[in-house]
Amino acid sequence: MTTDPAPEVSDGGVSPVDGSLPADLLPAAMALFGARLDLARAYARLLATDGVVRGLIGPREAPRIWERHLLNCAAVAELISPGETVVDVGSGAGLPGIVLAVVRPDISVTLVEPLARRTAFLSEVVDALRLDNVTVHRGRAEEATGTQADVVTARAVAPLDRLTAWCLPLARVGGRLLALKGSSAAEEIAEHQATVTRLGGGPAAVVRCGAGLIDPPTIVVEIECVAHARSKPSRKTARSGARSRR
């Protein structure tokens, strides 16, 4: 296990540019990461340094890595049962996939990301933190066929209708999509529930994670996969098929 040489706690309310943990967030971080807090610290360092230099996270986000990113993602672990398989779509810099793998060594996490520079960073993080429960897959969600995960996660990837179309086929029937959203989650559900249903999803629900530990709590839209919707052939494909049968 990779550990920090010494505890890193800053005395301010925001993380310094090296990703150190602010003192006022230490209780929440200890509650969420437990014995894996040193791994989370190492990941925060990588995000705040290499992640910023390589354009995977904005420089203005570096001082807020713990408050807005690591703790926000770690809170979602409460929705994942022991031993479940997780696919994180559009992993980017590893949020929430890497964080969930750090918090929960009992789960298996596959990071799905189409951009080479991001998958290179993710692979380096996995190696540096020695996360043997993580696999990095370069590709789009639509190309990850055959995946039947217990849980599919996504954060700030797309509106709920498109997100459901990409993610729900990767979940087993009875599995769930956990979409990390903002304060407009309820409005998104109202707008897109009909599409979610057509795509094989059950009623979407807003869940608040980490209440009492982080403020504000993490808002998650949870959707159960009740069926795998069959994709309709395009008009061009349908016409070609009709001609071949004549």
Protein backbone atom coordinates (compact mmCIF):
# COMPACT_ATOMS: atom_id res chain seq x y z
CA MET A 1 0.00 0.00 0.00
CA THR A 2 1.27 3.48 -0.84
CA THR A 3 1.39 5.74 2.21
CA ASP A 4 2.38 9.34 2.84
CA PRO A 5 5.62 9.93 4.70
CA ALA A 6 3.80 12.14 7.21
CA PRO A 7 0.24 13.33 7.81
CA GLU A 8 -0.65 16.20 5.52
CA VAL A 9 -3.12 18.62 7.04
CA SER A 10 -3.31 22.30 6.17
CA ASP A 11 -4.64 24.83 8.66
CA GLY A 12 -6.80 26.68 6.15
CA GLY A 13 -10.30 25.98 4.89
CA VAL A 14 -9.16 25.00 1.40
CA SER A 15 -6.53 22.60 0.13
CA PRO A 16 -3.22 24.17 -0.91
CA VAL A 17 -2.06 23.58 -4.45
CA ASP A 18 -0.31 20.36 -3.43
CA GLY A 19 -3.64 18.78 -2.45
CA SER A 20 -3.05 18.61 1.31
CA LEU A 21 -6.09 17.91 3.45
CA PRO A 22 -7.56 21.00 5.18
CA ALA A 23 -7.81 20.60 8.95
CA ASP A 24 -11.52 21.38 9.05
CA LEU A 25 -12.23 18.52 6.63
CA LEU A 26 -10.15 15.94 8.51
CA PRO A 27 -13.08 14.48 10.53
CA ALA A 28 -15.15 13.91 7.39
CA ALA A 29 -12.17 12.48 5.51
CA MET A 30 -11.40 10.08 8.36
CA ALA A 31 -15.03 8.97 8.54
CA LEU A 32 -15.28 8.37 4.79
CA PHE A 33 -11.84 6.92 4.01
CA GLY A 34 -10.94 5.30 7.33
CA ALA A 35 -7.71 3.33 7.14
CA ARG A 36 -7.42 4.21 3.44
CA LEU A 37 -6.99 7.94 4.09
CA ASP A 38 -3.29 7.85 3.23
CA LEU A 39 -4.16 6.48 -0.22
CA ALA A 40 -6.68 9.29 -0.67
CA ARG A 41 -3.99 11.81 0.28
CA ALA A 42 -1.64 10.34 -2.31
CA TYR A 43 -4.36 10.56 -4.96
CA ALA A 44 -5.12 14.17 -3.99
CA ARG A 45 -1.43 15.00 -4.52
CA LEU A 46 -1.47 13.44 -7.98
CA LEU A 47 -4.62 15.34 -8.93
CA ALA A 48 -3.34 18.68 -7.68
CA THR A 49 0.05 18.33 -9.39
CA ASP A 50 0.16 16.02 -12.42
CA GLY A 51 -3.58 16.27 -12.96
CA VAL A 52 -3.46 20.04 -13.25
CA VAL A 53 -0.28 20.11 -15.37
CA ARG A 54 -1.78 17.61 -17.82
CA GLY A 55 -5.08 19.46 -18.06
CA LEU A 56 -7.20 16.78 -16.39
CA ILE A 57 -8.42 19.08 -13.67
CA GLY A 58 -8.64 22.87 -13.76
CA PRO A 59 -6.10 24.89 -11.75
CA ARG A 60 -8.93 26.60 -9.87
CA GLU A 61 -10.14 23.19 -8.71
CA ALA A 62 -6.83 22.26 -7.08
CA PRO A 63 -7.56 24.16 -3.82
CA ARG A 64 -11.00 22.50 -3.68
CA ILE A 65 -9.98 18.92 -4.43
CA TRP A 66 -11.02 17.56 -1.05
CA GLU A 67 -14.21 19.52 -0.54
CA ARG A 68 -15.67 19.39 -4.04
CA HIS A 69 -14.21 16.19 -5.41
CA LEU A 70 -12.76 13.55 -3.10
CA LEU A 71 -15.25 13.79 -0.24
CA ASN A 72 -18.11 14.36 -2.67
CA CYS A 73 -17.29 11.12 -4.49
CA ALA A 74 -16.37 9.08 -1.42
CA ALA A 75 -19.83 9.60 0.05
CA VAL A 76 -21.35 7.59 -2.81
CA ALA A 77 -19.72 4.41 -1.49
CA GLU A 78 -22.59 4.05 0.98
CA LEU A 79 -24.84 3.08 -1.96
CA ILE A 80 -22.62 0.19 -3.07
CA SER A 81 -22.99 -3.25 -1.50
CA PRO A 82 -20.01 -5.44 -0.54
CA GLY A 83 -18.31 -7.18 -3.45
CA GLU A 84 -20.24 -5.42 -6.20
CA THR A 85 -18.78 -4.70 -9.63
CA VAL A 86 -18.70 -1.06 -10.70
CA VAL A 87 -18.22 0.52 -14.12
CA ASP A 88 -17.37 4.23 -14.06
CA VAL A 89 -18.30 5.91 -17.36
CA GLY A 90 -16.36 8.95 -18.53
CA SER A 91 -13.86 8.59 -15.70
CA GLY A 92 -11.75 11.60 -16.68
CA ALA A 93 -9.26 12.07 -13.85
CA GLY A 94 -10.81 9.21 -11.87
CA LEU A 95 -13.82 10.85 -10.25
CA PRO A 96 -15.66 9.00 -8.84
CA GLY A 97 -14.12 5.68 -9.94
CA ILE A 98 -10.67 5.95 -8.37
CA VAL A 99 -12.13 7.39 -5.17
CA LEU A 100 -14.62 4.53 -4.83
CA ALA A 101 -11.84 1.99 -5.41
CA VAL A 102 -9.79 3.64 -2.66
CA VAL A 103 -12.68 3.70 -0.19
CA ARG A 104 -13.86 0.18 -1.01
CA PRO A 105 -11.12 -2.38 -1.70
CA ASP A 106 -13.83 -5.07 -1.70
CA ILE A 107 -15.37 -3.87 -4.98
CA SER A 108 -14.07 -4.20 -8.55
CA VAL A 109 -14.01 -0.98 -10.57
CA THR A 110 -13.63 -0.59 -14.33
CA LEU A 111 -12.83 2.93 -15.53
CA VAL A 112 -14.21 3.64 -19.02
CA GLU A 113 -12.64 6.67 -20.69
CA PRO A 114 -12.20 7.37 -24.43
CA LEU A 115 -9.27 9.84 -24.36
CA ALA A 116 -5.74 8.43 -24.41
CA ARG A 117 -4.17 11.14 -22.26
CA ARG A 118 -6.75 10.50 -19.56
CA THR A 119 -6.41 6.72 -19.62
CA ALA A 120 -2.63 7.16 -19.42
CA PHE A 121 -3.06 9.24 -16.26
CA LEU A 122 -5.55 6.77 -14.81
CA SER A 123 -3.20 3.85 -15.41
CA GLU A 124 -0.36 5.74 -13.73
CA VAL A 125 -2.57 6.50 -10.71
CA VAL A 126 -3.66 2.86 -10.45
CA ASP A 127 -0.01 1.76 -10.51
CA ALA A 128 1.14 4.46 -8.06
CA LEU A 129 -1.58 3.62 -5.54
CA ARG A 130 -1.32 -0.14 -6.19
CA LEU A 131 -5.04 -0.47 -6.71
CA ASP A 132 -5.46 -4.11 -7.67
CA ASN A 133 -9.25 -3.73 -7.81
CA VAL A 134 -9.20 -1.31 -10.78
CA THR A 135 -9.12 -1.91 -14.54
CA VAL A 136 -8.69 0.94 -17.03
CA HIS A 137 -10.55 0.56 -20.34
CA ARG A 138 -9.97 3.02 -23.17
CA GLY A 139 -13.14 3.44 -25.19
CA ARG A 140 -16.61 4.91 -25.24
CA ALA A 141 -19.43 3.57 -23.12
CA GLU A 142 -21.29 2.51 -26.26
CA GLU A 143 -18.35 0.28 -27.20
CA ALA A 144 -18.10 -1.50 -23.85
CA THR A 145 -20.46 -4.25 -24.96
CA GLY A 146 -20.96 -7.37 -22.90
CA THR A 147 -20.49 -5.59 -19.60
CA GLN A 148 -23.05 -6.52 -16.94
CA ALA A 149 -22.08 -4.55 -13.84
CA ASP A 150 -23.91 -4.33 -10.55
CA VAL A 151 -23.43 -0.56 -10.52
CA VAL A 152 -22.64 2.00 -13.24
CA THR A 153 -21.45 5.42 -12.08
CA ALA A 154 -21.04 8.72 -13.90
CA ARG A 155 -20.28 12.26 -12.79
CA ALA A 156 -20.87 15.44 -14.79
CA VAL A 157 -20.93 13.50 -18.05
CA ALA A 158 -24.21 14.37 -19.81
CA PRO A 159 -27.92 15.10 -19.31
CA LEU A 160 -29.89 12.24 -17.77
CA ASP A 161 -31.49 11.01 -21.00
CA ARG A 162 -28.17 10.58 -22.81
CA LEU A 163 -26.49 9.28 -19.69
CA THR A 164 -29.13 6.56 -19.34
CA ALA A 165 -28.72 5.56 -22.99
CA TRP A 166 -24.97 5.16 -22.55
CA CYS A 167 -24.84 3.64 -19.08
CA LEU A 168 -27.88 1.45 -18.54
CA PRO A 169 -26.83 -1.17 -21.14
CA LEU A 170 -23.69 -1.73 -19.06
CA ALA A 171 -25.70 -2.71 -15.97
CA ARG A 172 -27.20 -6.12 -15.35
CA VAL A 173 -30.95 -6.34 -14.98
CA GLY A 174 -31.46 -5.44 -11.35
CA GLY A 175 -28.28 -3.37 -11.39
CA ARG A 176 -28.24 0.38 -10.93
CA LEU A 177 -27.05 3.60 -12.47
CA LEU A 178 -25.71 6.10 -9.93
CA ALA A 179 -25.44 9.50 -11.61
CA LEU A 180 -23.78 12.20 -9.53
CA LYS A 181 -25.78 15.36 -10.18
CA GLY A 182 -26.30 18.87 -8.85
CA SER A 183 -29.18 20.75 -7.29
CA SER A 184 -31.29 20.46 -10.46
CA ALA A 185 -31.48 16.65 -10.26
CA ALA A 186 -35.22 16.60 -9.57
CA GLU A 187 -35.87 18.83 -12.58
CA GLU A 188 -33.80 16.52 -14.78
CA ILE A 189 -35.82 13.55 -13.63
CA ALA A 190 -39.09 15.32 -14.38
CA GLU A 191 -37.84 16.18 -17.87
CA HIS A 192 -36.32 12.82 -18.80
CA GLN A 193 -38.18 10.08 -16.88
CA ALA A 194 -40.18 9.04 -19.95
CA THR A 195 -36.95 8.47 -21.88
CA VAL A 196 -35.40 6.65 -18.92
CA THR A 197 -38.40 4.31 -18.83
CA ARG A 198 -38.23 3.67 -22.58
CA LEU A 199 -34.55 2.78 -22.22
CA GLY A 200 -35.28 0.14 -19.59
CA GLY A 201 -34.88 2.16 -16.42
CA GLY A 202 -37.16 2.19 -13.41
CA PRO A 203 -38.36 5.31 -11.59
CA ALA A 204 -35.42 7.62 -10.95
CA ALA A 205 -34.88 8.69 -7.35
CA VAL A 206 -32.81 11.46 -5.80
CA VAL A 207 -30.53 10.21 -3.00
CA ARG A 208 -28.40 12.44 -0.78
CA CYS A 209 -25.17 10.80 0.36
CA GLY A 210 -22.90 11.82 3.20
CA ALA A 211 -25.50 13.82 5.12
CA GLY A 212 -24.05 14.82 8.47
CA LEU A 213 -20.50 14.40 7.17
CA ILE A 214 -20.28 16.79 4.23
CA ASP A 215 -22.22 19.95 3.46
CA PRO A 216 -23.84 19.94 1.02
CA PRO A 217 -24.34 16.18 0.71
CA THR A 218 -23.67 14.49 -2.61
CA ILE A 219 -26.75 14.36 -4.83
CA VAL A 220 -27.14 11.10 -6.73
CA VAL A 221 -29.83 10.07 -9.19
CA GLU A 222 -30.37 6.32 -8.74
CA ILE A 223 -31.99 4.32 -11.55
CA GLU A 224 -32.54 0.57 -11.51
CA CYS A 225 -32.10 -1.35 -14.76
CA VAL A 226 -35.39 -3.25 -15.07
CA ALA A 227 -34.86 -4.36 -18.69
CA HIS A 228 -32.40 -4.03 -21.53
CA ALA A 229 -34.06 -2.01 -24.27
CA ARG A 230 -33.45 -3.28 -27.78
CA SER A 231 -31.84 -0.73 -30.06
CA LYS A 232 -33.85 0.01 -33.17
CA PRO A 233 -32.05 -0.29 -36.51
CA SER A 234 -31.48 2.92 -38.43
CA ARG A 235 -33.66 3.61 -41.47
CA LYS A 236 -30.70 2.97 -43.74
CA THR A 237 -30.01 -0.39 -42.09
CA ALA A 238 -33.68 -1.33 -42.22
CA ARG A 239 -33.89 -0.52 -45.96
CA SER A 240 -30.74 -2.55 -46.66
CA GLY A 241 -32.19 -5.51 -44.80
CA ALA A 242 -35.46 -5.26 -46.68
CA ARG A 243 -33.66 -5.27 -50.05
CA SER A 244 -31.60 -8.32 -49.07
CA ARG A 245 -34.76 -10.27 -48.32
CA ARG A 246 -36.33 -9.56 -51.70
